[in-house]
Amino acid sequence: HSSWFVLFLWVDCFLFSMIGFITFMAAINSTPTRASAIAGLAFYGTSLVYGPSQAWGDKMALWVRFLLYLFPCTAMSQVAEMLGRMEILGNGITIDGPFTMSFSKNDRFYPRFYQLLIMLIVDGLIGFVLGWYIENLYPGETSRAQPWYFLFTRDYWFGEPDLNHENQALQNANSKPDKLQISYDHENDDNTKPAGVTLQNISRIYKSNSLLKKCFPKLAGEDVVAVNNVSVEFYKGQITAYLGRNGAGKTSTLQILAGMAKASKGNAWIDNINVTKNPEEAYALIGNCPQYNILIDELSPVDHIKFYAKLRDPSLTSKEGKKILSEQTTELIAAVGLSSDRCNTPSAFLSGGMKRKLSVALCFIGNPRVVFLDEPTAGVDPEARRGIWKLLQNQASKKQITMIMCTHHLDEAELLGDRVVVIDGGQIKCAGSNIWMKNQYGTGYVMTLTKSKGIDSKEFNEQKFFEILGGDETGCKIRPNYNSAEIEVEVPYAMFNNQKFIESLKTLDANLQEIGLDNYGLRDTTLEEIFLQLASNPNKDYENPAFDKSGIIDND
């Protein structure tokens, strides 16, 4: 007997209140799983309030009922019962019913139908407002939190005002420094290239739950310092290899620069934009390839590139722009080695390596000035790795892009890195070119000796070998090695400036069989060996000239 319009209005108001309720639940929970569980419990828990409220009957004041109607389920249950009673009586609720119909003739204790609909709308508005407010206070790791009084600030509603003479001085106080004050070991070069990215005293601390820490200190744990007072510059037109062990602070640094995490203290600049204060202004300058692939399952690689390109540059939607976009798409797909038969396949059906190739291609869309690469070739086949290497080198040199690359492939870092920065325990340990790193921390050249094989072969004569090289004065020494067929000998760099050492190699060639060797080879210290040496001495003073460079691995 009820009007369909009234029923639609009722259901519509309830849906509005539930959307507000869900918005609030999403704001107070950090993960979707927990939000779903708590929202379900809260929904059914608040619905139980309606039973006791009806049991009180006329003993409960109307204003108390309105307080209970702040729970959407309670207001919904009251409307449902009112509608059911009217249907049983054969009247239903007609068009004019919302303004006349009541659960009881005594309006002192029960609301009218329209009042319940208003309460459902109010419930939804309260949920939306609380969700929005809490989301601004606790936005998570990827955004900046607002102060509790942000509602009353002009900057939030109308943006930051133009700088006048007074706050211009304050802005200059936080401006990009001409020269950083650094305490770690670094290469003193006359680098004329400008810095594309500058970090000054950047720290990132993951704090434990303060309330839990006060009540249960053992359960709360300690604060974790991911990045500790880092100051470093990354230059334009260069690929900087940012190296460190797992948990050293590499990804946390890149997340701060990309605006995906907030720094606990310090400043960072991309060109002249302070990304710790105004990250939104730097977004258009950044190309980011994060550690994990962030792709849309339904879009193909071609669709991804076009979608990202149009977001960065809306002019590409024009006729001429579409032609340029098509050329860029073809160039990027070929550069990263995406197979032609997969270019139009939804990304959900791509292999892990192909998804990685696509993520690398996406960070170069829109001509960014700065590119962050967090393990760009992880899971990529060797042929495609070389294609990506060539792409990175071309983009960095031709377009003067500042590239920061985190990788665990040390051969990749040695080949691509114009400069190497090593971080350990959240602190920069050293920074410089590959050649400087080898001269500063390298142990010299490595001579690999292959022992003789066969029945008539002689045992390796260590004493005669060192006599030929020049004795103990040369500084050569045997490395600890677990390969029984080969021996590695460290040869200091200074030995190659000694003509006697060069002559001794000729003598060694003539006496290989007598010493018990088949052949030998010489190579330079690799970046991997230097990194292992630095990582195995995390508490050493890297600025100390007495830094122990005697060996790569400590047998003790």
Protein backbone atom coordinates (compact mmCIF):
# COMPACT_ATOMS: atom_id res chain seq x y z
CA HIS A 1 0.00 0.00 0.00
CA SER A 2 2.99 2.33 0.36
CA SER A 3 4.10 4.80 -2.33
CA TRP A 4 7.06 3.69 -4.44
CA PHE A 5 8.53 7.18 -4.23
CA VAL A 6 8.52 7.04 -0.44
CA LEU A 7 10.18 3.60 -0.48
CA PHE A 8 12.84 4.83 -2.91
CA LEU A 9 13.45 7.91 -0.76
CA TRP A 10 13.85 5.75 2.34
CA VAL A 11 16.30 3.31 0.73
CA ASP A 12 18.22 6.18 -0.88
CA CYS A 13 18.67 7.95 2.45
CA PHE A 14 19.84 4.73 4.07
CA LEU A 15 22.40 4.11 1.31
CA PHE A 16 23.68 7.67 1.74
CA SER A 17 24.13 7.11 5.48
CA MET A 18 25.93 3.80 4.89
CA ILE A 19 28.37 5.37 2.41
CA GLY A 20 29.21 7.97 5.05
CA PHE A 21 29.60 5.17 7.62
CA ILE A 22 31.99 3.26 5.33
CA THR A 23 33.98 6.43 4.61
CA PHE A 24 34.51 6.90 8.34
CA MET A 25 35.52 3.25 8.80
CA ALA A 26 38.03 3.47 5.94
CA ALA A 27 39.62 6.56 7.50
CA ILE A 28 40.27 4.96 10.90
CA ASN A 29 41.73 1.73 9.48
CA SER A 30 45.00 1.46 7.61
CA THR A 31 44.28 -1.73 5.63
CA PRO A 32 41.22 -2.83 3.61
CA THR A 33 41.06 -6.18 5.40
CA ARG A 34 40.90 -4.63 8.85
CA ALA A 35 38.46 -1.96 7.65
CA SER A 36 36.10 -4.62 6.29
CA ALA A 37 36.22 -6.67 9.48
CA ILE A 38 35.70 -3.73 11.85
CA ALA A 39 33.00 -2.17 9.64
CA GLY A 40 31.04 -5.43 9.68
CA LEU A 41 31.27 -5.76 13.44
CA ALA A 42 30.32 -2.10 13.92
CA PHE A 43 27.34 -2.47 11.58
CA TYR A 44 25.86 -5.43 13.40
CA GLY A 45 26.88 -4.10 16.81
CA THR A 46 25.05 -0.79 16.35
CA SER A 47 21.98 -2.58 15.03
CA LEU A 48 21.62 -4.27 18.45
CA VAL A 49 21.00 -0.87 20.04
CA TYR A 50 17.50 -0.74 18.52
CA GLY A 51 16.11 -3.61 20.65
CA PRO A 52 16.72 -2.05 24.09
CA SER A 53 15.51 1.34 22.83
CA GLN A 54 12.12 -0.17 21.94
CA ALA A 55 11.90 -2.06 25.22
CA TRP A 56 11.98 1.24 27.10
CA GLY A 57 8.91 2.42 25.17
CA ASP A 58 7.45 5.67 26.46
CA LYS A 59 10.00 5.80 29.27
CA MET A 60 12.71 7.04 26.83
CA ALA A 61 12.72 10.75 25.95
CA LEU A 62 12.64 11.79 22.31
CA TRP A 63 16.05 13.52 22.43
CA VAL A 64 17.62 10.29 23.70
CA ARG A 65 16.13 8.44 20.73
CA PHE A 66 17.62 10.99 18.35
CA LEU A 67 21.03 10.33 19.88
CA LEU A 68 20.55 6.62 19.17
CA TYR A 69 19.52 7.46 15.62
CA LEU A 70 23.05 8.72 15.01
CA PHE A 71 23.71 5.03 14.33
CA PRO A 72 22.35 4.41 10.79
CA CYS A 73 21.18 0.89 11.66
CA THR A 74 19.01 2.15 14.54
CA ALA A 75 17.30 4.79 12.40
CA MET A 76 16.87 2.25 9.60
CA SER A 77 15.29 -0.30 11.95
CA GLN A 78 12.86 2.30 13.29
CA VAL A 79 11.73 3.19 9.75
CA ALA A 80 11.39 -0.48 8.83
CA GLU A 81 9.20 -1.23 11.84
CA MET A 82 7.04 1.83 11.18
CA LEU A 83 6.60 0.79 7.55
CA GLY A 84 5.75 -2.78 8.54
CA ARG A 85 3.07 -1.69 11.00
CA MET A 86 1.44 0.62 8.43
CA GLU A 87 1.37 -2.19 5.86
CA ILE A 88 -0.26 -4.55 8.38
CA LEU A 89 -2.96 -1.96 9.01
CA GLY A 90 -3.54 -1.74 5.26
CA ASN A 91 -2.59 1.93 5.04
CA GLY A 92 1.06 1.98 4.07
CA ILE A 93 2.91 5.27 3.72
CA THR A 94 1.69 7.57 0.96
CA ILE A 95 3.20 10.72 -0.59
CA ASP A 96 2.11 12.89 2.31
CA GLY A 97 2.99 10.15 4.78
CA PRO A 98 6.56 11.31 5.56
CA PHE A 99 5.19 14.50 7.10
CA THR A 100 2.23 13.01 9.00
CA MET A 101 3.07 9.40 9.75
CA SER A 102 4.41 8.55 13.21
CA PHE A 103 5.20 5.32 15.06
CA SER A 104 2.89 6.40 17.87
CA LYS A 105 0.25 9.05 18.41
CA ASN A 106 2.36 10.39 21.25
CA ASP A 107 4.92 12.63 19.51
CA ARG A 108 6.66 13.29 22.80
CA PHE A 109 8.34 9.89 22.68
CA TYR A 110 8.49 8.85 19.00
CA PRO A 111 9.67 10.74 15.88
CA ARG A 112 7.80 11.23 12.64
CA PHE A 113 8.76 9.50 9.43
CA TYR A 114 10.41 12.56 7.82
CA GLN A 115 12.49 13.12 10.96
CA LEU A 116 13.96 9.64 10.61
CA LEU A 117 14.84 10.32 6.97
CA ILE A 118 16.59 13.52 8.03
CA MET A 119 18.53 11.59 10.67
CA LEU A 120 19.73 9.13 8.02
CA ILE A 121 21.01 12.05 5.94
CA VAL A 122 22.64 13.58 9.02
CA ASP A 123 24.32 10.22 9.76
CA GLY A 124 25.80 10.18 6.28
CA LEU A 125 27.05 13.76 6.53
CA ILE A 126 28.65 13.06 9.92
CA GLY A 127 30.44 10.02 8.46
CA PHE A 128 31.71 12.00 5.47
CA VAL A 129 32.94 14.91 7.60
CA LEU A 130 34.66 12.68 10.19
CA GLY A 131 36.25 10.54 7.48
CA TRP A 132 37.54 13.59 5.63
CA TYR A 133 38.88 15.18 8.83
CA ILE A 134 40.62 12.02 10.08
CA GLU A 135 42.06 11.34 6.63
CA ASN A 136 43.70 14.77 6.69
CA LEU A 137 45.11 14.21 10.17
CA TYR A 138 46.39 10.66 9.45
CA PRO A 139 46.84 10.32 5.68
CA GLY A 140 49.23 7.38 5.91
CA GLU A 141 52.80 7.11 4.67
CA THR A 142 52.24 8.65 1.24
CA SER A 143 50.95 12.13 2.14
CA ARG A 144 51.59 14.99 4.51
CA ALA A 145 49.48 15.17 7.66
CA GLN A 146 47.56 18.38 8.38
CA PRO A 147 47.50 19.99 11.85
CA TRP A 148 44.33 19.47 13.88
CA TYR A 149 43.31 23.10 13.31
CA PHE A 150 43.65 22.97 9.49
CA LEU A 151 39.92 23.72 9.20
CA PHE A 152 40.60 27.24 10.43
CA THR A 153 43.60 28.01 8.21
CA ARG A 154 43.38 30.10 5.08
CA ASP A 155 46.07 28.09 3.28
CA TYR A 156 44.01 24.88 3.31
CA TRP A 157 40.96 26.44 1.65
CA PHE A 158 42.55 29.01 -0.67
CA GLY A 159 46.15 27.81 -1.06
CA GLU A 160 49.31 29.51 0.07
CA PRO A 161 49.31 33.30 -0.45
CA ASP A 162 51.92 35.13 -2.50
CA LEU A 163 55.11 35.69 -0.58
CA ASN A 164 55.58 39.19 0.78
CA HIS A 165 58.80 40.74 2.07
CA GLU A 166 58.42 39.28 5.54
CA ASN A 167 57.89 35.64 4.70
CA GLN A 168 60.31 35.91 1.76
CA ALA A 169 63.07 36.01 4.36
CA LEU A 170 61.66 32.87 5.96
CA GLN A 171 61.55 31.16 2.56
CA ASN A 172 65.17 32.11 1.91
CA ALA A 173 66.16 30.63 5.28
CA ASN A 174 64.94 27.25 4.03
CA SER A 175 66.29 27.73 0.50
CA LYS A 176 68.61 25.33 -1.26
CA PRO A 177 72.18 25.60 0.10
CA ASP A 178 75.02 26.50 -2.25
CA LYS A 179 77.26 23.87 -0.69
CA LEU A 180 76.43 20.96 1.61
CA GLN A 181 78.29 20.33 4.84
CA ILE A 182 79.13 16.62 4.70
CA SER A 183 81.21 14.47 7.02
CA TYR A 184 81.55 11.21 5.08
CA ASP A 185 84.34 10.23 2.72
CA HIS A 186 83.76 11.64 -0.77
CA GLU A 187 85.56 12.48 -3.98
CA ASN A 188 86.90 16.03 -4.16
CA ASP A 189 86.27 16.75 -7.81
CA ASP A 190 85.56 19.96 -9.67
CA ASN A 191 82.14 18.85 -10.87
CA THR A 192 80.70 21.62 -12.99
CA LYS A 193 77.36 19.89 -13.43
CA PRO A 194 74.51 21.36 -11.37
CA ALA A 195 72.77 19.27 -8.75
CA GLY A 196 69.38 18.01 -9.88
CA VAL A 197 68.54 16.55 -6.44
CA THR A 198 69.84 17.80 -3.09
CA LEU A 199 69.24 16.26 0.34
CA GLN A 200 70.12 18.15 3.51
CA ASN A 201 69.97 16.40 6.90
CA ILE A 202 67.10 14.14 5.80
CA SER A 203 65.85 11.62 8.36
CA ARG A 204 63.02 9.12 8.30
CA ILE A 205 61.96 7.53 11.60
CA TYR A 206 59.22 4.90 11.89
CA LYS A 207 57.83 5.49 15.35
CA SER A 208 56.26 2.78 17.46
CA ASN A 209 52.78 3.14 18.92
CA SER A 210 53.20 5.79 21.66
CA LEU A 211 50.18 4.63 23.70
CA LEU A 212 51.22 0.98 23.50
CA LYS A 213 54.78 1.98 24.36
CA LYS A 214 53.65 3.65 27.60
CA CYS A 215 51.51 0.72 28.68
CA PHE A 216 53.45 -2.25 27.28
CA PRO A 217 57.02 -1.18 26.36
CA LYS A 218 58.11 -4.69 25.36
CA LEU A 219 55.23 -5.15 22.94
CA ALA A 220 55.55 -1.73 21.29
CA GLY A 221 59.17 -2.14 20.26
CA GLU A 222 61.65 0.62 19.49
CA ASP A 223 61.56 3.40 16.92
CA VAL A 224 63.20 2.39 13.64
CA VAL A 225 65.54 4.92 12.01
CA ALA A 226 65.46 4.16 8.28
CA VAL A 227 67.30 7.29 7.11
CA ASN A 228 69.61 9.11 9.52
CA ASN A 229 70.70 12.69 8.77
CA VAL A 230 71.53 12.13 5.08
CA SER A 231 73.10 14.99 3.10
CA VAL A 232 74.07 14.30 -0.52
CA GLU A 233 73.79 15.73 -4.03
CA PHE A 234 72.85 13.95 -7.25
CA TYR A 235 73.97 15.65 -10.46
CA LYS A 236 72.15 16.30 -13.72
CA GLY A 237 73.07 14.19 -16.72
CA GLN A 238 74.45 11.43 -14.49
CA ILE A 239 73.27 8.02 -13.35
CA THR A 240 74.03 7.69 -9.64
CA ALA A 241 74.13 4.14 -8.29
CA TYR A 242 72.63 4.27 -4.79
CA LEU A 243 73.93 1.13 -3.11
CA GLY A 244 73.29 -0.50 0.24
CA ARG A 245 72.26 -3.71 1.92
CA ASN A 246 68.63 -4.66 2.50
CA GLY A 247 67.20 -2.23 5.04
CA ALA A 248 70.01 0.30 4.56
CA GLY A 249 67.55 3.12 3.74
CA LYS A 250 67.64 3.26 -0.07
CA THR A 251 63.92 2.80 -0.73
CA SER A 252 62.96 5.13 2.14
CA THR A 253 65.12 7.87 0.61
CA LEU A 254 63.50 7.48 -2.80
CA GLN A 255 60.02 7.45 -1.26
CA ILE A 256 60.73 10.79 0.43
CA LEU A 257 61.98 12.31 -2.82
CA ALA A 258 59.01 10.95 -4.80
CA GLY A 259 56.52 12.32 -2.27
CA MET A 260 55.42 8.83 -1.22
CA ALA A 261 56.62 9.29 2.37
CA LYS A 262 57.18 12.23 4.68
CA ALA A 263 60.61 13.05 6.07
CA SER A 264 60.83 13.19 9.86
CA LYS A 265 63.22 16.13 9.52
CA GLY A 266 65.46 17.84 6.99
CA ASN A 267 64.94 19.25 3.51
CA ALA A 268 65.18 17.91 -0.02
CA TRP A 269 65.15 19.79 -3.31
CA ILE A 270 64.43 18.75 -6.87
CA ASP A 271 65.92 21.61 -8.88
CA ASN A 272 64.82 24.51 -6.68
CA ILE A 273 61.59 22.97 -5.39
CA ASN A 274 61.56 21.88 -1.76
CA VAL A 275 59.82 18.50 -1.94
CA THR A 276 59.54 18.18 1.84
CA LYS A 277 57.48 21.38 1.99
CA ASN A 278 55.72 21.42 -1.41
CA PRO A 279 55.83 17.90 -2.91
CA GLU A 280 52.89 18.60 -5.23
CA GLU A 281 54.93 21.15 -7.18
CA ALA A 282 57.61 18.54 -7.98
CA TYR A 283 55.32 15.75 -9.19
CA ALA A 284 55.43 16.93 -12.81
CA LEU A 285 59.24 16.73 -12.78
CA ILE A 286 59.48 13.16 -11.45
CA GLY A 287 59.54 9.82 -13.20
CA ASN A 288 59.35 6.98 -10.71
CA CYS A 289 59.90 3.24 -11.09
CA PRO A 290 59.17 1.90 -7.58
CA GLN A 291 60.33 -1.39 -6.15
CA TYR A 292 56.99 -3.03 -6.92
CA ASN A 293 55.05 -2.76 -10.18
CA ILE A 294 52.06 -0.40 -9.96
CA LEU A 295 49.98 -1.30 -13.00
CA ILE A 296 46.31 -1.43 -13.96
CA ASP A 297 45.37 -5.04 -14.73
CA GLU A 298 42.88 -4.20 -17.47
CA LEU A 299 45.22 -1.94 -19.50
CA SER A 300 47.75 -3.18 -22.03
CA PRO A 301 51.33 -1.82 -22.22
CA VAL A 302 50.35 0.51 -25.08
CA ASP A 303 47.30 1.71 -23.12
CA HIS A 304 49.47 2.33 -20.05
CA ILE A 305 51.95 4.49 -21.97
CA LYS A 306 49.21 6.52 -23.65
CA PHE A 307 47.32 6.93 -20.37
CA TYR A 308 50.39 8.15 -18.47
CA ALA A 309 51.43 10.42 -21.35
CA LYS A 310 48.04 12.16 -21.48
CA LEU A 311 48.05 12.64 -17.72
CA ARG A 312 51.46 14.33 -17.91
CA ASP A 313 50.82 16.32 -21.08
CA PRO A 314 47.17 16.92 -22.10
CA SER A 315 48.33 18.45 -25.41
CA LEU A 316 49.06 14.92 -26.65
CA THR A 317 45.32 14.45 -27.18
CA SER A 318 45.47 16.75 -30.24
CA LYS A 319 46.02 15.47 -33.75
CA GLU A 320 49.71 16.37 -33.82
CA GLY A 321 50.12 15.21 -30.24
CA LYS A 322 48.73 11.77 -31.06
CA LYS A 323 51.36 11.38 -33.77
CA ILE A 324 54.15 12.29 -31.33
CA LEU A 325 52.68 9.98 -28.71
CA SER A 326 52.57 7.08 -31.18
CA GLU A 327 56.27 7.57 -31.98
CA GLN A 328 57.22 7.77 -28.30
CA THR A 329 55.21 4.64 -27.54
CA THR A 330 56.91 2.65 -30.27
CA GLU A 331 60.34 3.91 -29.20
CA LEU A 332 59.88 3.06 -25.53
CA ILE A 333 58.42 -0.38 -26.17
CA ALA A 334 61.34 -1.24 -28.44
CA ALA A 335 63.90 0.21 -25.99
CA VAL A 336 62.80 -1.89 -23.01
CA GLY A 337 62.35 -5.04 -25.09
CA LEU A 338 58.61 -5.64 -24.80
CA SER A 339 57.63 -8.29 -27.35
CA SER A 340 55.22 -7.16 -30.08
CA ASP A 341 52.74 -9.96 -29.38
CA ARG A 342 52.31 -8.71 -25.79
CA CYS A 343 51.92 -4.99 -26.44
CA ASN A 344 48.13 -5.19 -26.55
CA THR A 345 47.73 -7.83 -23.85
CA PRO A 346 46.22 -6.75 -20.50
CA SER A 347 49.00 -6.33 -17.94
CA ALA A 348 47.36 -8.93 -15.66
CA PHE A 349 48.49 -11.62 -18.13
CA LEU A 350 52.08 -10.37 -18.49
CA SER A 351 55.00 -12.14 -16.84
CA GLY A 352 56.87 -10.52 -13.97
CA GLY A 353 59.78 -9.55 -16.23
CA MET A 354 57.50 -7.90 -18.79
CA LYS A 355 55.70 -5.95 -16.07
CA ARG A 356 59.07 -4.70 -14.90
CA LYS A 357 59.98 -3.58 -18.41
CA LEU A 358 56.70 -1.67 -18.63
CA SER A 359 57.32 0.03 -15.28
CA VAL A 360 60.72 1.25 -16.52
CA ALA A 361 59.17 2.60 -19.73
CA LEU A 362 56.45 4.48 -17.83
CA CYS A 363 58.93 6.49 -15.75
CA PHE A 364 60.29 8.19 -18.89
CA ILE A 365 56.89 9.39 -20.13
CA GLY A 366 56.46 13.17 -20.26
CA ASN A 367 60.16 14.14 -20.31
CA PRO A 368 60.82 14.11 -16.53
CA ARG A 369 63.83 15.96 -15.12
CA VAL A 370 64.45 13.43 -12.36
CA VAL A 371 64.00 9.65 -12.53
CA PHE A 372 64.03 7.28 -9.55
CA LEU A 373 64.74 3.63 -10.34
CA ASP A 374 64.36 1.13 -7.51
CA GLU A 375 65.81 -2.18 -8.76
CA PRO A 376 64.74 -1.52 -12.39
CA THR A 377 66.03 -4.80 -13.85
CA ALA A 378 64.86 -7.20 -11.13
CA GLY A 379 63.45 -10.33 -12.80
CA VAL A 380 64.37 -9.15 -16.32
CA ASP A 381 66.13 -11.44 -18.81
CA PRO A 382 69.78 -10.64 -19.76
CA GLU A 383 68.98 -9.38 -23.25
CA ALA A 384 66.30 -6.99 -22.01
CA ARG A 385 68.62 -5.80 -19.23
CA ARG A 386 71.07 -4.55 -21.82
CA GLY A 387 68.26 -2.80 -23.67
CA ILE A 388 67.23 -1.05 -20.45
CA TRP A 389 70.86 -0.10 -19.76
CA LYS A 390 71.13 1.53 -23.17
CA LEU A 391 67.87 3.40 -22.61
CA LEU A 392 69.06 4.75 -19.25
CA GLN A 393 72.39 5.91 -20.64
CA ASN A 394 70.79 7.64 -23.64
CA GLN A 395 68.11 9.37 -21.54
CA ALA A 396 70.60 10.59 -18.94
CA SER A 397 73.11 12.01 -21.42
CA LYS A 398 70.82 13.43 -24.11
CA LYS A 399 68.09 14.92 -21.90
CA GLN A 400 70.28 15.80 -18.89
CA ILE A 401 68.08 13.77 -16.55
CA THR A 402 69.12 13.21 -12.95
CA MET A 403 68.87 9.46 -12.38
CA ILE A 404 69.08 7.72 -9.01
CA MET A 405 69.23 3.95 -9.34
CA CYS A 406 69.04 1.43 -6.50
CA THR A 407 70.20 -2.02 -7.46
CA HIS A 408 71.66 -5.21 -5.99
CA HIS A 409 73.37 -6.05 -9.31
CA LEU A 410 76.84 -4.61 -8.70
CA ASP A 411 77.92 -5.23 -12.30
CA GLU A 412 74.99 -3.06 -13.36
CA ALA A 413 76.01 -0.32 -10.95
CA GLU A 414 79.61 -0.45 -12.15
CA LEU A 415 78.61 -0.23 -15.81
CA LEU A 416 75.92 2.45 -15.56
CA GLY A 417 76.93 4.46 -12.51
CA ASP A 418 78.73 7.71 -13.30
CA ARG A 419 78.84 8.09 -9.54
CA VAL A 420 78.36 5.68 -6.64
CA VAL A 421 76.82 6.53 -3.26
CA VAL A 422 76.95 3.86 -0.53
CA ILE A 423 74.46 3.98 2.35
CA ASP A 424 74.50 1.70 5.37
CA GLY A 425 72.45 1.88 8.55
CA GLY A 426 70.60 4.91 7.21
CA GLN A 427 73.80 6.97 6.81
CA ILE A 428 75.90 7.81 3.76
CA LYS A 429 79.31 6.12 4.03
CA CYS A 430 81.04 7.35 0.89
CA ALA A 431 80.36 8.91 -2.50
CA GLY A 432 82.44 9.16 -5.66
CA SER A 433 83.11 7.78 -9.12
CA ASN A 434 83.94 4.13 -9.79
CA ILE A 435 87.62 4.95 -10.32
CA TRP A 436 87.79 6.93 -7.07
CA MET A 437 86.09 4.11 -5.16
CA LYS A 438 88.62 1.58 -6.46
CA ASN A 439 91.60 3.83 -5.67
CA GLN A 440 90.23 4.67 -2.22
CA TYR A 441 88.99 1.28 -1.05
CA GLY A 442 90.26 -1.20 -3.62
CA THR A 443 93.00 -3.65 -2.73
CA GLY A 444 94.66 -3.37 -6.15
CA TYR A 445 94.69 -5.74 -9.07
CA VAL A 446 93.85 -9.40 -8.57
CA MET A 447 96.08 -12.04 -10.11
CA THR A 448 94.24 -15.36 -10.56
CA LEU A 449 96.56 -18.37 -10.70
CA THR A 450 95.35 -21.66 -12.15
CA LYS A 451 97.09 -24.68 -10.64
CA SER A 452 98.55 -27.37 -12.87
CA LYS A 453 96.46 -30.46 -13.53
CA GLY A 454 97.55 -33.93 -14.42
CA ILE A 455 99.66 -36.79 -13.08
CA ASP A 456 103.03 -35.16 -13.78
CA SER A 457 102.01 -31.68 -12.55
CA LYS A 458 103.93 -30.16 -9.68
CA GLU A 459 102.58 -28.69 -6.47
CA PHE A 460 102.28 -24.92 -6.32
CA ASN A 461 105.56 -23.46 -5.07
CA GLU A 462 104.46 -20.37 -3.16
CA GLN A 463 107.99 -19.37 -2.08
CA LYS A 464 109.43 -19.37 -5.60
CA PHE A 465 106.36 -17.56 -6.94
CA PHE A 466 106.87 -14.61 -4.58
CA GLU A 467 110.65 -14.62 -5.24
CA ILE A 468 109.94 -14.10 -8.94
CA LEU A 469 107.53 -11.23 -8.21
CA GLY A 470 110.11 -9.47 -6.04
CA GLY A 471 109.75 -10.83 -2.53
CA ASP A 472 107.91 -9.40 0.44
CA GLU A 473 108.68 -5.81 -0.56
CA THR A 474 106.08 -5.91 -3.33
CA GLY A 475 103.17 -6.04 -0.88
CA CYS A 476 101.52 -8.91 -2.78
CA LYS A 477 99.64 -11.44 -0.72
CA ILE A 478 97.37 -14.40 -1.22
CA ARG A 479 93.66 -13.96 -0.62
CA PRO A 480 91.61 -16.47 1.35
CA ASN A 481 90.04 -18.64 -1.32
CA TYR A 482 87.92 -21.80 -1.09
CA ASN A 483 88.53 -22.83 -4.71
CA SER A 484 91.22 -25.51 -4.65
CA ALA A 485 91.94 -25.17 -8.37
CA GLU A 486 92.71 -21.43 -8.29
CA ILE A 487 94.66 -18.99 -6.15
CA GLU A 488 93.98 -15.26 -5.96
CA VAL A 489 96.84 -12.86 -5.23
CA GLU A 490 96.37 -9.17 -4.43
CA VAL A 491 98.75 -6.90 -6.34
CA PRO A 492 98.91 -3.25 -5.17
CA TYR A 493 98.27 -0.58 -7.81
CA ALA A 494 101.70 0.91 -7.14
CA MET A 495 103.39 -2.27 -8.44
CA PHE A 496 102.37 -1.47 -12.02
CA ASN A 497 104.49 1.69 -11.90
CA ASN A 498 107.53 -0.47 -11.11
CA GLN A 499 109.45 -1.66 -14.15
CA LYS A 500 110.93 -4.56 -12.16
CA PHE A 501 107.46 -5.95 -11.59
CA ILE A 502 106.71 -5.85 -15.31
CA GLU A 503 109.94 -7.76 -15.99
CA SER A 504 109.04 -10.26 -13.26
CA LEU A 505 105.86 -11.16 -15.15
CA LYS A 506 107.98 -12.21 -18.13
CA THR A 507 110.05 -14.42 -15.81
CA LEU A 508 106.82 -15.86 -14.42
CA ASP A 509 105.66 -16.76 -17.94
CA ALA A 510 108.86 -18.74 -18.49
CA ASN A 511 108.63 -20.65 -15.19
CA LEU A 512 104.91 -21.49 -14.91
CA GLN A 513 105.37 -25.29 -14.99
CA GLU A 514 108.16 -25.26 -12.42
CA ILE A 515 106.00 -23.26 -10.02
CA GLY A 516 103.06 -25.62 -10.60
CA LEU A 517 100.82 -23.32 -12.62
CA ASP A 518 99.04 -23.69 -15.95
CA ASN A 519 98.31 -20.00 -16.50
CA TYR A 520 97.39 -16.79 -14.76
CA GLY A 521 95.32 -13.69 -15.38
CA LEU A 522 95.07 -10.12 -14.08
CA ARG A 523 91.92 -8.09 -13.37
CA ASP A 524 90.98 -4.96 -11.50
CA THR A 525 89.10 -4.98 -8.18
CA THR A 526 85.36 -5.03 -8.91
CA LEU A 527 82.77 -2.73 -7.38
CA GLU A 528 81.16 -5.80 -5.83
CA GLU A 529 84.31 -6.60 -3.89
CA ILE A 530 84.57 -3.01 -2.66
CA PHE A 531 80.92 -3.04 -1.59
CA LEU A 532 81.42 -6.32 0.30
CA GLN A 533 84.40 -4.81 2.06
CA LEU A 534 82.45 -1.70 3.08
CA ALA A 535 79.42 -3.74 4.13
CA SER A 536 81.51 -6.14 6.22
CA ASN A 537 82.91 -3.19 8.22
CA PRO A 538 79.77 -1.18 9.08
CA ASN A 539 81.30 0.36 12.22
CA LYS A 540 84.59 1.42 10.66
CA ASP A 541 85.50 5.09 10.32
CA TYR A 542 85.51 5.57 6.55
CA GLU A 543 87.31 8.89 6.83
CA ASN A 544 90.18 7.42 8.83
CA PRO A 545 93.30 7.00 6.67
CA ALA A 546 94.06 3.91 8.73
CA PHE A 547 90.90 2.25 7.41
CA ASP A 548 91.59 -1.45 7.10
CA LYS A 549 91.92 -2.35 3.44
CA SER A 550 93.82 -5.54 4.01
CA GLY A 551 91.13 -7.99 3.01
CA ILE A 552 87.66 -8.53 1.70
CA ILE A 553 86.52 -11.23 4.10
CA ASP A 554 87.40 -11.57 7.74
CA ASN A 555 88.03 -15.25 8.44
CA ASP A 556 87.37 -14.73 12.14
